[in-house]
Amino acid sequence: MNKTNKLRNNTAILLSIGGILLNLVLSTAVSVFGLLVYLDTVGTVAVAVMGGYLPGVIAGFATNIITGNAMQA
């Protein structure tokens, strides 16, 4: 693997993690303040725009897994 591909992979991973964190923070803010808007997808959309569809899918999937498990607990 050359240096460009490694940098691209690292960027996609960091974007995905940032999108997951943004989704979780905005989802928590919506529930705390009782807002009537769905802001928990903003991170997924931002990651998909900046990094492409695969990091966006990873961010959305991981967010749904995390929030689904948190709601069941």
Protein backbone atom coordinates (compact mmCIF):
# COMPACT_ATOMS: atom_id res chain seq x y z
CA MET A 1 0.00 0.00 0.00
CA ASN A 2 1.48 3.31 -0.99
CA LYS A 3 1.51 6.48 1.06
CA THR A 4 -1.44 8.08 -0.75
CA ASN A 5 -3.77 5.15 -0.10
CA LYS A 6 -2.76 4.98 3.55
CA LEU A 7 -3.45 8.70 3.97
CA ARG A 8 -6.82 8.31 2.23
CA ASN A 9 -7.76 5.40 4.51
CA ASN A 10 -6.74 7.32 7.63
CA THR A 11 -8.75 10.33 6.48
CA ALA A 12 -11.83 8.16 5.88
CA ILE A 13 -11.51 6.60 9.34
CA LEU A 14 -11.12 9.98 11.04
CA LEU A 15 -14.05 11.43 9.09
CA SER A 16 -16.22 8.48 10.08
CA ILE A 17 -15.33 8.83 13.76
CA GLY A 18 -15.99 12.57 13.63
CA GLY A 19 -19.36 12.00 11.97
CA ILE A 20 -20.34 9.41 14.57
CA LEU A 21 -19.43 11.80 17.39
CA LEU A 22 -21.32 14.66 15.74
CA ASN A 23 -24.39 12.46 15.28
CA LEU A 24 -24.31 11.37 18.93
CA VAL A 25 -23.86 14.91 20.24
CA LEU A 26 -26.69 16.30 18.11
CA SER A 27 -28.96 13.37 18.96
CA THR A 28 -28.36 14.00 22.66
CA ALA A 29 -29.00 17.73 22.22
CA VAL A 30 -32.30 17.03 20.47
CA SER A 31 -33.46 14.75 23.29
CA VAL A 32 -32.29 17.08 26.06
CA PHE A 33 -33.88 20.21 24.62
CA GLY A 34 -36.96 18.45 23.23
CA LEU A 35 -36.49 19.75 19.71
CA LEU A 36 -38.81 18.55 16.98
CA VAL A 37 -36.11 18.12 14.32
CA TYR A 38 -33.90 15.18 13.46
CA LEU A 39 -30.32 16.42 13.71
CA ASP A 40 -28.77 13.00 14.24
CA THR A 41 -28.00 12.61 10.53
CA VAL A 42 -26.01 15.81 10.06
CA GLY A 43 -22.73 14.03 10.74
CA THR A 44 -23.54 11.26 8.28
CA VAL A 45 -24.36 13.73 5.52
CA ALA A 46 -21.24 15.80 6.22
CA VAL A 47 -19.02 12.71 6.15
CA ALA A 48 -20.62 11.48 2.92
CA VAL A 49 -20.07 14.86 1.25
CA MET A 50 -16.45 15.18 2.39
CA GLY A 51 -15.30 11.56 2.22
CA GLY A 52 -17.58 9.72 -0.16
CA TYR A 53 -20.31 7.17 0.25
CA LEU A 54 -18.37 4.48 2.14
CA PRO A 55 -17.32 6.62 5.14
CA GLY A 56 -20.87 8.02 5.18
CA VAL A 57 -22.34 4.52 5.31
CA ILE A 58 -19.94 3.55 8.08
CA ALA A 59 -20.84 6.65 10.11
CA GLY A 60 -24.57 6.11 9.69
CA PHE A 61 -24.43 2.39 10.45
CA ALA A 62 -22.25 2.81 13.53
CA THR A 63 -24.44 5.65 14.83
CA ASN A 64 -27.55 3.51 14.50
CA ILE A 65 -25.88 0.57 16.25
CA ILE A 66 -24.69 2.78 19.11
CA THR A 67 -27.97 4.65 19.60
CA GLY A 68 -30.00 1.45 19.22
CA ASN A 69 -28.00 -0.27 21.95
CA ALA A 70 -28.21 2.80 24.19
CA MET A 71 -32.00 2.94 23.85
CA GLN A 72 -32.38 -0.72 24.78
CA ALA A 73 -30.30 -0.38 27.95
